[in-house]
Amino acid sequence: METLNLLRSFQLAGSKQLKISCSLTEFPSEILALADSLEILDLSNNHLRALPDEFERLKHLKIVFLTNNDFEEIPEVLSQCLGLKMVSFKSNQVATVGEHALPPSIRWLILTNNKIEKLPTSFGSLSHLQKLMLAGNRLQSLPEEMASCENLELIRLSANQLQQLPPWLFTLPRLSWLAYAGNPLCNADATHKPVLPDIDWAELRLGEILGQGASGVIYQGLWTTKLAQQEVAIKIFKGEITSDGLPTDEMAASLAAGCHGNLVNVLGKLSNEPEEKQGLVFSFIPPDYKNLGQPPDFDTCTRDTYSANASFSLPVILRLTIGIASAAAHLHAEGIMHGDLYAHNILVDETGHSLLGDFGAASFYDPSDVVMGQALERLEVRAFGCLLEDMLDRCTLQEESEHSKAVESLRCLQQDCLKQVLLQRPRFTEICERLTSLFRQVYGTAKPFDIQGE
């Protein structure tokens, strides 16, 4: 309410950003006075149902958040805001998306947790679209015209009513991150039965919060049984649908992933939580492991961000990428696509040992379906190529170094992973072989952790 009062008293003239959350039921007309400056407008957590026709006067607008409101359709006036790059209608009541409701400038569109049954064919004209969040709707299909969305890199389709994945998805040259769990096309229960034990809440003691994301909160904890006591990490799910999908699907994938030296190790599933919340118990990861990167921002859209001084030596790059490629190969052998293979979901220590976590976007497939399995794997290989590119862009190795040819080889691998034609990309087993061979050539050993420095 304070911000609204400042707006009405003309004390926010010239503002580029504006956020108002105070149970609004009508769009404040005073916002239009910022038409010459406003770039980011956040009206989330209100009760808005419509935007005025005059909204098109906000010609400088780039980002609009209308999360948690009462919209039942996308206001077509947005199509007149030709500079819009990002729009969020997450958690509204949207059932209808008009044929021409959005401008062609859109890069990032969030329609998570609505009631959408059908997308318009005009989505095929969104040529700049890179990131599309559709989890938690009622979609039974996607328009074939979307095969023209050649810049699309990330799409979330979880928790809809899809009977199959549209074949054109695998023709998109840049698609790298896909989630589709919680659709009728999935039959995870038939082939993936968790074998890890239930862990009783009474045996756990919660400590400080280690972190939290869209799906839940992670606590440091202590697990005490009659036989032993160990430090653990405990993730308690919020139970709400996230932009990636449903917590139940994340749990199923985490449990089915099994054990691997480069995966965050799941010990069991939480039982008898007092508020009946779901949760998982993980091995505790020492504090010397840090996040490799940070999530994308408004500017990068689909690509992770890194600190200004982030840099990686050649041994670290090789160790890390060998580990992640090995973990990904293991998952795909089990019929699991991670769906979110990103630096911000990788923990790494100073030697380059890496741990891939966060299965919030993971999806199952039948590994006996070789054609579909290899298509999904090679789609994810492009995500690995993006990761490798990010690291090589920050490599500390000088061009005149004796190992410059090794970096050239890594660049060749990166380019192979990023090839536009999906079937021309290598599989993760081949990537592991190429990386391990390169490590052997450079350091004379096939064991990446025998070399402590450069």
Protein backbone atom coordinates (compact mmCIF):
# COMPACT_ATOMS: atom_id res chain seq x y z
CA MET A 1 0.00 0.00 0.00
CA GLU A 2 2.92 2.33 0.70
CA THR A 3 4.16 1.96 -2.89
CA LEU A 4 0.68 2.64 -4.22
CA ASN A 5 0.45 5.82 -2.12
CA LEU A 6 3.82 6.98 -3.41
CA LEU A 7 2.64 6.31 -6.95
CA ARG A 8 -0.56 8.29 -6.43
CA SER A 9 1.37 11.21 -4.99
CA PHE A 10 3.63 11.26 -8.10
CA GLN A 11 6.76 10.48 -6.07
CA LEU A 12 7.75 7.61 -8.35
CA ALA A 13 8.05 9.62 -11.55
CA GLY A 14 10.73 8.25 -13.85
CA SER A 15 10.81 4.81 -12.20
CA LYS A 16 11.98 1.90 -14.31
CA GLN A 17 10.68 -0.74 -11.92
CA LEU A 18 7.44 -0.95 -9.96
CA LYS A 19 6.08 -3.61 -7.61
CA ILE A 20 2.65 -3.42 -5.98
CA SER A 21 1.07 -6.23 -3.96
CA CYS A 22 -1.88 -5.09 -1.85
CA SER A 23 -4.97 -7.09 -2.89
CA LEU A 24 -5.64 -4.93 -5.94
CA THR A 25 -8.87 -5.71 -7.78
CA GLU A 26 -8.40 -3.06 -10.48
CA PHE A 27 -5.36 -1.90 -12.38
CA PRO A 28 -4.12 1.42 -10.87
CA SER A 29 -4.44 3.98 -13.66
CA GLU A 30 -1.61 6.00 -12.09
CA ILE A 31 0.85 3.42 -13.45
CA LEU A 32 0.24 4.85 -16.92
CA ALA A 33 1.97 8.07 -15.84
CA LEU A 34 5.22 6.04 -15.92
CA ALA A 35 4.81 5.27 -19.63
CA ASP A 36 8.05 7.04 -20.56
CA SER A 37 10.23 5.04 -18.14
CA LEU A 38 8.67 1.82 -16.81
CA GLU A 39 10.49 -1.36 -17.89
CA ILE A 40 9.63 -3.91 -15.18
CA LEU A 41 6.12 -4.15 -13.69
CA ASP A 42 5.33 -6.65 -10.92
CA LEU A 43 1.67 -6.85 -9.90
CA SER A 44 1.86 -10.38 -8.47
CA ASN A 45 -0.24 -11.54 -5.52
CA ASN A 46 -3.29 -9.39 -6.17
CA HIS A 47 -6.81 -10.08 -7.47
CA LEU A 48 -6.61 -8.57 -10.92
CA ARG A 49 -8.78 -9.98 -13.70
CA ALA A 50 -8.11 -7.56 -16.55
CA LEU A 51 -5.80 -4.90 -17.93
CA PRO A 52 -7.08 -1.62 -19.41
CA ASP A 53 -6.82 -0.87 -23.13
CA GLU A 54 -4.54 2.01 -22.20
CA PHE A 55 -1.95 -0.52 -21.00
CA GLU A 56 -0.43 -0.35 -24.48
CA ARG A 57 0.89 3.11 -23.61
CA LEU A 58 3.64 1.40 -21.58
CA LYS A 59 5.87 1.18 -24.65
CA HIS A 60 9.11 0.69 -22.71
CA LEU A 61 7.82 -2.33 -20.80
CA LYS A 62 10.11 -5.38 -21.00
CA ILE A 63 8.94 -7.58 -18.11
CA VAL A 64 5.47 -8.10 -16.60
CA PHE A 65 4.75 -10.32 -13.60
CA LEU A 66 1.07 -11.06 -12.98
CA THR A 67 1.60 -14.20 -10.90
CA ASN A 68 -1.09 -15.18 -8.39
CA ASN A 69 -3.97 -13.11 -9.72
CA ASP A 70 -7.43 -13.99 -11.04
CA PHE A 71 -7.00 -13.70 -14.80
CA GLU A 72 -9.12 -16.16 -16.79
CA GLU A 73 -7.62 -15.19 -20.14
CA ILE A 74 -4.49 -13.47 -21.42
CA PRO A 75 -5.37 -9.81 -22.10
CA GLU A 76 -4.87 -9.15 -25.81
CA VAL A 77 -3.64 -5.64 -25.08
CA LEU A 78 -0.28 -7.26 -24.28
CA SER A 79 0.18 -7.89 -27.99
CA GLN A 80 0.50 -4.10 -28.41
CA CYS A 81 3.49 -3.93 -26.06
CA LEU A 82 6.06 -4.67 -28.71
CA GLY A 83 9.08 -4.52 -26.38
CA LEU A 84 7.88 -7.23 -24.00
CA LYS A 85 10.49 -9.95 -23.37
CA MET A 86 9.09 -11.77 -20.34
CA VAL A 87 5.53 -12.36 -19.09
CA SER A 88 4.30 -14.42 -16.15
CA PHE A 89 0.72 -15.51 -15.49
CA LYS A 90 1.73 -18.30 -13.14
CA SER A 91 -1.02 -19.51 -10.77
CA ASN A 92 -4.01 -17.67 -12.20
CA GLN A 93 -7.25 -19.12 -13.57
CA VAL A 94 -6.28 -18.81 -17.22
CA ALA A 95 -8.29 -21.15 -19.44
CA THR A 96 -8.05 -19.23 -22.72
CA VAL A 97 -5.06 -17.94 -24.64
CA GLY A 98 -6.22 -15.78 -27.53
CA GLU A 99 -4.88 -16.20 -31.04
CA HIS A 100 -3.04 -12.89 -30.92
CA ALA A 101 -2.61 -12.18 -27.22
CA LEU A 102 1.19 -11.89 -27.17
CA PRO A 103 3.75 -9.82 -29.08
CA PRO A 104 6.35 -11.62 -31.23
CA SER A 105 9.13 -10.18 -29.03
CA ILE A 106 8.45 -12.62 -26.15
CA ARG A 107 11.50 -14.65 -25.02
CA TRP A 108 10.26 -16.06 -21.69
CA LEU A 109 6.62 -17.01 -21.08
CA ILE A 110 5.35 -18.47 -17.79
CA LEU A 111 1.85 -20.00 -17.80
CA THR A 112 2.44 -22.56 -15.02
CA ASN A 113 -0.49 -23.77 -12.90
CA ASN A 114 -3.52 -22.61 -14.87
CA LYS A 115 -6.41 -24.32 -16.70
CA ILE A 116 -5.22 -24.09 -20.29
CA GLU A 117 -6.53 -26.85 -22.55
CA LYS A 118 -5.28 -25.54 -25.88
CA LEU A 119 -2.64 -23.17 -27.23
CA PRO A 120 -3.32 -21.04 -30.29
CA THR A 121 -1.60 -21.75 -33.61
CA SER A 122 -0.15 -18.24 -33.43
CA PHE A 123 2.42 -19.56 -30.92
CA GLY A 124 4.27 -20.72 -34.01
CA SER A 125 4.99 -17.08 -34.84
CA LEU A 126 6.79 -16.43 -31.53
CA SER A 127 10.15 -16.62 -33.25
CA HIS A 128 12.10 -15.19 -30.29
CA LEU A 129 10.62 -17.61 -27.71
CA GLN A 130 13.39 -19.34 -25.74
CA LYS A 131 11.73 -20.43 -22.49
CA LEU A 132 8.16 -21.72 -22.18
CA MET A 133 6.69 -22.84 -18.85
CA LEU A 134 3.45 -24.81 -19.21
CA ALA A 135 3.50 -27.25 -16.26
CA GLY A 136 0.24 -27.81 -14.41
CA ASN A 137 -2.33 -27.18 -17.13
CA ARG A 138 -4.76 -29.36 -19.11
CA LEU A 139 -3.02 -29.54 -22.45
CA GLN A 140 -3.68 -32.63 -24.53
CA SER A 141 -1.51 -31.53 -27.43
CA LEU A 142 0.62 -28.68 -28.74
CA PRO A 143 0.04 -26.92 -32.07
CA GLU A 144 2.23 -28.24 -34.89
CA GLU A 145 2.94 -24.65 -35.88
CA MET A 146 5.28 -24.48 -32.88
CA ALA A 147 7.80 -26.43 -34.94
CA SER A 148 8.70 -22.95 -36.23
CA CYS A 149 9.87 -21.85 -32.75
CA GLU A 150 13.50 -22.57 -33.63
CA ASN A 151 14.90 -20.51 -30.74
CA LEU A 152 13.03 -22.54 -28.11
CA GLU A 153 15.60 -23.95 -25.67
CA LEU A 154 13.61 -24.87 -22.56
CA ILE A 155 10.04 -26.15 -22.28
CA ARG A 156 8.18 -27.47 -19.25
CA LEU A 157 5.20 -29.72 -20.08
CA SER A 158 4.85 -31.62 -16.79
CA ALA A 159 1.48 -32.32 -15.19
CA ASN A 160 -0.69 -31.94 -18.26
CA GLN A 161 -2.82 -34.42 -20.25
CA LEU A 162 -0.39 -35.24 -23.06
CA GLN A 163 -0.72 -38.72 -24.56
CA GLN A 164 2.55 -38.37 -26.48
CA LEU A 165 5.38 -35.96 -27.11
CA PRO A 166 4.94 -34.15 -30.43
CA PRO A 167 7.57 -35.40 -32.92
CA TRP A 168 8.47 -31.85 -33.95
CA LEU A 169 10.02 -31.27 -30.52
CA PHE A 170 13.00 -33.30 -31.70
CA THR A 171 13.46 -31.13 -34.78
CA LEU A 172 13.98 -27.95 -32.75
CA PRO A 173 17.69 -27.14 -33.22
CA ARG A 174 18.25 -25.50 -29.82
CA LEU A 175 15.97 -27.44 -27.44
CA SER A 176 18.10 -28.54 -24.47
CA TRP A 177 15.92 -28.71 -21.36
CA LEU A 178 12.64 -30.66 -21.44
CA ALA A 179 10.32 -31.83 -18.65
CA TYR A 180 7.17 -33.90 -19.23
CA ALA A 181 6.58 -36.01 -16.09
CA GLY A 182 3.04 -36.32 -14.76
CA ASN A 183 1.38 -36.82 -18.15
CA PRO A 184 -0.59 -39.88 -19.34
CA LEU A 185 2.31 -40.63 -21.72
CA CYS A 186 4.37 -41.54 -18.65
CA ASN A 187 3.97 -44.86 -16.92
CA ALA A 188 6.68 -44.56 -14.31
CA ASP A 189 5.00 -46.82 -11.77
CA ALA A 190 5.17 -49.81 -14.09
CA THR A 191 8.92 -49.80 -14.54
CA HIS A 192 10.43 -47.69 -11.77
CA LYS A 193 9.71 -48.90 -8.26
CA PRO A 194 11.67 -47.21 -5.46
CA VAL A 195 13.75 -49.70 -3.52
CA LEU A 196 15.20 -47.37 -0.88
CA PRO A 197 13.82 -47.59 2.66
CA ASP A 198 11.41 -45.33 4.49
CA ILE A 199 13.14 -43.24 7.14
CA ASP A 200 11.03 -42.49 10.18
CA TRP A 201 10.68 -38.87 11.21
CA ALA A 202 11.35 -39.89 14.82
CA GLU A 203 14.88 -40.92 13.85
CA LEU A 204 15.70 -37.49 12.44
CA ARG A 205 16.69 -34.22 14.04
CA LEU A 206 16.49 -31.08 11.92
CA GLY A 207 19.23 -28.47 12.00
CA GLU A 208 19.76 -25.26 10.08
CA ILE A 209 18.35 -24.57 6.64
CA LEU A 210 20.92 -25.32 3.93
CA GLY A 211 18.84 -23.95 1.10
CA GLN A 212 15.43 -23.85 -0.48
CA GLY A 213 13.91 -23.78 -3.90
CA ALA A 214 10.55 -23.87 -5.61
CA SER A 215 9.75 -27.43 -4.53
CA GLY A 216 10.97 -27.54 -0.95
CA VAL A 217 13.33 -26.67 1.90
CA ILE A 218 16.59 -28.52 2.59
CA TYR A 219 17.76 -28.86 6.18
CA GLN A 220 20.95 -30.15 7.71
CA GLY A 221 20.02 -33.06 9.92
CA LEU A 222 21.10 -35.99 12.06
CA TRP A 223 19.82 -39.52 11.45
CA THR A 224 20.05 -41.75 14.51
CA THR A 225 19.26 -45.46 14.52
CA LYS A 226 20.06 -48.26 16.95
CA LEU A 227 23.15 -49.08 14.92
CA ALA A 228 24.60 -45.73 13.89
CA GLN A 229 24.34 -41.97 13.68
CA GLN A 230 25.13 -39.87 10.62
CA GLU A 231 24.82 -36.37 9.27
CA VAL A 232 22.26 -36.05 6.49
CA ALA A 233 20.41 -33.48 4.43
CA ILE A 234 16.61 -33.56 4.60
CA LYS A 235 14.43 -32.11 1.85
CA ILE A 236 10.83 -31.43 2.87
CA PHE A 237 8.55 -30.75 -0.08
CA LYS A 238 6.05 -27.92 -0.09
CA GLY A 239 3.55 -30.04 -1.97
CA GLU A 240 2.76 -27.40 -4.58
CA ILE A 241 3.30 -27.60 -8.29
CA THR A 242 6.45 -25.80 -9.40
CA SER A 243 7.54 -24.46 -12.74
CA ASP A 244 9.25 -27.83 -13.32
CA GLY A 245 6.40 -30.11 -12.26
CA LEU A 246 5.06 -32.07 -9.29
CA PRO A 247 7.07 -32.92 -6.15
CA THR A 248 5.85 -36.54 -6.33
CA ASP A 249 7.52 -36.93 -9.72
CA GLU A 250 10.73 -35.39 -8.37
CA MET A 251 10.71 -37.90 -5.53
CA ALA A 252 10.12 -40.83 -7.85
CA ALA A 253 13.01 -39.83 -10.12
CA SER A 254 15.35 -39.18 -7.19
CA LEU A 255 14.67 -42.63 -5.78
CA ALA A 256 14.87 -44.40 -9.14
CA ALA A 257 18.19 -42.76 -10.06
CA GLY A 258 20.10 -45.15 -7.82
CA CYS A 259 23.69 -44.69 -6.70
CA HIS A 260 26.47 -43.08 -8.70
CA GLY A 261 29.64 -41.31 -7.62
CA ASN A 262 28.57 -38.08 -9.32
CA LEU A 263 24.94 -37.97 -8.17
CA VAL A 264 23.69 -36.58 -4.86
CA ASN A 265 23.03 -39.80 -2.95
CA VAL A 266 19.46 -40.45 -1.75
CA LEU A 267 19.28 -42.55 1.41
CA GLY A 268 15.53 -42.92 1.72
CA LYS A 269 12.04 -41.50 1.75
CA LEU A 270 10.64 -39.62 4.75
CA SER A 271 7.78 -41.27 6.63
CA ASN A 272 5.53 -40.20 9.52
CA GLU A 273 6.24 -36.48 9.12
CA PRO A 274 3.91 -34.77 11.67
CA GLU A 275 2.21 -32.58 9.05
CA GLU A 276 2.12 -35.46 6.54
CA LYS A 277 4.55 -33.67 4.23
CA GLN A 278 6.64 -35.63 1.81
CA GLY A 279 10.41 -35.61 1.94
CA LEU A 280 13.71 -37.26 1.05
CA VAL A 281 16.84 -37.91 3.07
CA PHE A 282 20.21 -37.44 1.36
CA SER A 283 23.81 -38.01 2.29
CA PHE A 284 25.28 -34.85 3.77
CA ILE A 285 27.52 -33.01 1.34
CA PRO A 286 30.60 -31.38 2.91
CA PRO A 287 30.67 -27.57 2.87
CA ASP A 288 33.70 -27.48 0.57
CA TYR A 289 31.31 -28.33 -2.28
CA LYS A 290 29.88 -25.19 -3.86
CA ASN A 291 27.34 -24.47 -6.60
CA LEU A 292 29.13 -24.39 -9.93
CA GLY A 293 26.93 -21.57 -11.23
CA GLN A 294 23.81 -19.55 -10.57
CA PRO A 295 20.42 -19.76 -12.35
CA PRO A 296 19.68 -17.73 -15.49
CA ASP A 297 18.66 -14.10 -15.07
CA PHE A 298 16.35 -11.86 -17.10
CA ASP A 299 19.07 -11.14 -19.64
CA THR A 300 20.47 -14.65 -20.16
CA CYS A 301 16.98 -16.24 -20.09
CA THR A 302 18.09 -19.86 -20.55
CA ARG A 303 21.80 -19.75 -19.74
CA ASP A 304 23.31 -19.93 -16.27
CA THR A 305 25.14 -17.02 -14.74
CA TYR A 306 28.55 -17.03 -13.03
CA SER A 307 30.40 -14.70 -10.70
CA ALA A 308 32.53 -12.09 -12.44
CA ASN A 309 35.75 -13.80 -11.33
CA ALA A 310 34.68 -17.38 -12.07
CA SER A 311 37.45 -19.37 -13.76
CA PHE A 312 38.32 -23.03 -14.24
CA SER A 313 41.61 -24.81 -14.82
CA LEU A 314 41.90 -27.54 -17.43
CA PRO A 315 42.09 -30.39 -14.86
CA VAL A 316 38.94 -29.11 -13.13
CA ILE A 317 37.07 -28.82 -16.44
CA LEU A 318 38.05 -32.36 -17.43
CA ARG A 319 37.24 -33.91 -14.05
CA LEU A 320 33.94 -32.12 -13.76
CA THR A 321 32.72 -32.88 -17.26
CA ILE A 322 33.80 -36.52 -17.08
CA GLY A 323 31.81 -36.85 -13.84
CA ILE A 324 28.66 -35.17 -15.14
CA ALA A 325 28.74 -37.04 -18.46
CA SER A 326 29.13 -40.30 -16.53
CA ALA A 327 26.20 -39.44 -14.25
CA ALA A 328 24.03 -38.52 -17.25
CA ALA A 329 24.96 -41.78 -19.02
CA HIS A 330 23.95 -43.67 -15.87
CA LEU A 331 20.57 -41.89 -15.71
CA HIS A 332 19.76 -42.52 -19.35
CA ALA A 333 20.68 -46.18 -18.96
CA GLU A 334 17.92 -46.22 -16.31
CA GLY A 335 15.46 -44.43 -18.60
CA ILE A 336 15.65 -41.09 -16.79
CA MET A 337 16.19 -37.71 -18.41
CA HIS A 338 17.38 -35.17 -15.86
CA GLY A 339 15.72 -32.27 -17.67
CA ASP A 340 17.63 -29.57 -15.81
CA LEU A 341 21.30 -30.28 -16.52
CA TYR A 342 22.66 -26.91 -15.46
CA ALA A 343 25.64 -25.56 -13.56
CA HIS A 344 23.35 -24.29 -10.80
CA ASN A 345 22.30 -27.91 -10.13
CA ILE A 346 25.91 -29.10 -9.85
CA LEU A 347 27.97 -29.04 -6.68
CA VAL A 348 31.74 -29.09 -7.12
CA ASP A 349 34.81 -29.05 -4.87
CA GLU A 350 38.10 -27.35 -5.68
CA THR A 351 39.52 -30.50 -7.31
CA GLY A 352 36.67 -30.68 -9.80
CA HIS A 353 34.73 -33.58 -8.27
CA SER A 354 31.09 -32.91 -9.13
CA LEU A 355 27.66 -33.95 -7.88
CA LEU A 356 24.54 -33.54 -9.99
CA GLY A 357 21.33 -32.98 -8.02
CA ASP A 358 17.79 -31.56 -8.21
CA PHE A 359 15.47 -33.95 -10.04
CA GLY A 360 12.57 -31.51 -10.13
CA ALA A 361 12.41 -31.58 -13.93
CA ALA A 362 13.31 -35.26 -14.39
CA SER A 363 11.17 -37.48 -16.61
CA PHE A 364 10.99 -41.23 -17.17
CA TYR A 365 11.03 -43.05 -20.49
CA ASP A 366 11.15 -46.68 -21.56
CA PRO A 367 14.84 -47.50 -22.21
CA SER A 368 13.77 -50.39 -24.46
CA ASP A 369 12.33 -47.80 -26.88
CA VAL A 370 15.69 -47.17 -28.52
CA VAL A 371 14.54 -44.47 -30.94
CA MET A 372 12.81 -42.34 -28.32
CA GLY A 373 15.49 -43.01 -25.71
CA GLN A 374 18.34 -41.88 -27.95
CA ALA A 375 16.38 -38.83 -29.08
CA LEU A 376 15.79 -37.74 -25.48
CA GLU A 377 19.41 -38.44 -24.56
CA ARG A 378 20.78 -36.43 -27.47
CA LEU A 379 18.42 -33.60 -26.61
CA GLU A 380 20.01 -33.51 -23.15
CA VAL A 381 23.47 -33.73 -24.70
CA ARG A 382 22.89 -30.20 -25.97
CA ALA A 383 22.46 -29.05 -22.35
CA PHE A 384 25.81 -30.67 -21.59
CA GLY A 385 27.29 -28.80 -24.56
CA CYS A 386 26.07 -25.52 -23.08
CA LEU A 387 27.71 -26.43 -19.75
CA LEU A 388 30.99 -27.29 -21.48
CA GLU A 389 30.86 -24.03 -23.44
CA ASP A 390 30.34 -22.02 -20.24
CA MET A 391 33.37 -23.63 -18.61
CA LEU A 392 35.64 -23.29 -21.63
CA ASP A 393 34.70 -19.62 -21.92
CA ARG A 394 36.14 -19.26 -18.40
CA CYS A 395 39.17 -21.52 -18.80
CA THR A 396 42.36 -20.10 -17.26
CA LEU A 397 44.60 -21.82 -19.81
CA GLN A 398 46.59 -19.44 -21.99
CA GLU A 399 46.57 -19.94 -25.77
CA GLU A 400 50.33 -20.49 -25.86
CA SER A 401 50.16 -23.23 -23.21
CA GLU A 402 51.33 -26.74 -24.07
CA HIS A 403 47.75 -27.90 -23.40
CA SER A 404 46.08 -25.53 -25.86
CA LYS A 405 45.41 -28.47 -28.20
CA ALA A 406 43.44 -30.13 -25.42
CA VAL A 407 41.21 -27.07 -25.21
CA GLU A 408 40.77 -27.20 -28.98
CA SER A 409 39.63 -30.82 -28.63
CA LEU A 410 37.17 -29.79 -25.93
CA ARG A 411 35.86 -27.05 -28.21
CA CYS A 412 35.31 -29.67 -30.92
CA LEU A 413 33.37 -31.81 -28.46
CA GLN A 414 31.33 -28.78 -27.40
CA GLN A 415 30.45 -28.05 -31.03
CA ASP A 416 29.47 -31.67 -31.62
CA CYS A 417 27.14 -31.54 -28.61
CA LEU A 418 25.55 -28.34 -29.93
CA LYS A 419 24.92 -29.55 -33.48
CA GLN A 420 21.55 -28.43 -34.76
CA VAL A 421 20.57 -31.86 -36.05
CA LEU A 422 19.83 -33.99 -33.00
CA LEU A 423 20.99 -37.32 -34.47
CA GLN A 424 24.42 -35.86 -35.24
CA ARG A 425 25.20 -35.30 -31.57
CA PRO A 426 27.19 -37.88 -29.59
CA ARG A 427 25.65 -39.93 -26.80
CA PHE A 428 26.88 -39.61 -23.22
CA THR A 429 28.87 -42.85 -23.35
CA GLU A 430 30.83 -41.52 -26.33
CA ILE A 431 31.32 -38.18 -24.54
CA CYS A 432 32.77 -40.03 -21.52
CA GLU A 433 35.15 -41.98 -23.77
CA ARG A 434 36.36 -38.85 -25.55
CA LEU A 435 36.89 -36.92 -22.32
CA THR A 436 38.67 -39.80 -20.58
CA SER A 437 40.91 -40.34 -23.62
CA LEU A 438 41.76 -36.64 -23.66
CA PHE A 439 42.60 -36.73 -19.96
CA ARG A 440 44.91 -39.68 -20.57
CA GLN A 441 46.65 -37.86 -23.43
CA VAL A 442 47.24 -34.74 -21.32
CA TYR A 443 48.16 -36.27 -17.96
CA GLY A 444 49.22 -39.82 -18.76
CA THR A 445 46.56 -41.39 -16.56
CA ALA A 446 42.94 -42.42 -16.98
CA LYS A 447 42.19 -41.52 -13.37
CA PRO A 448 41.14 -37.85 -13.27
CA PHE A 449 41.80 -37.45 -9.56
CA ASP A 450 45.43 -38.55 -9.68
CA ILE A 451 46.41 -35.06 -10.81
CA GLN A 452 46.16 -32.47 -8.04
CA GLY A 453 47.00 -29.32 -9.96
CA GLU A 454 48.44 -27.84 -13.07
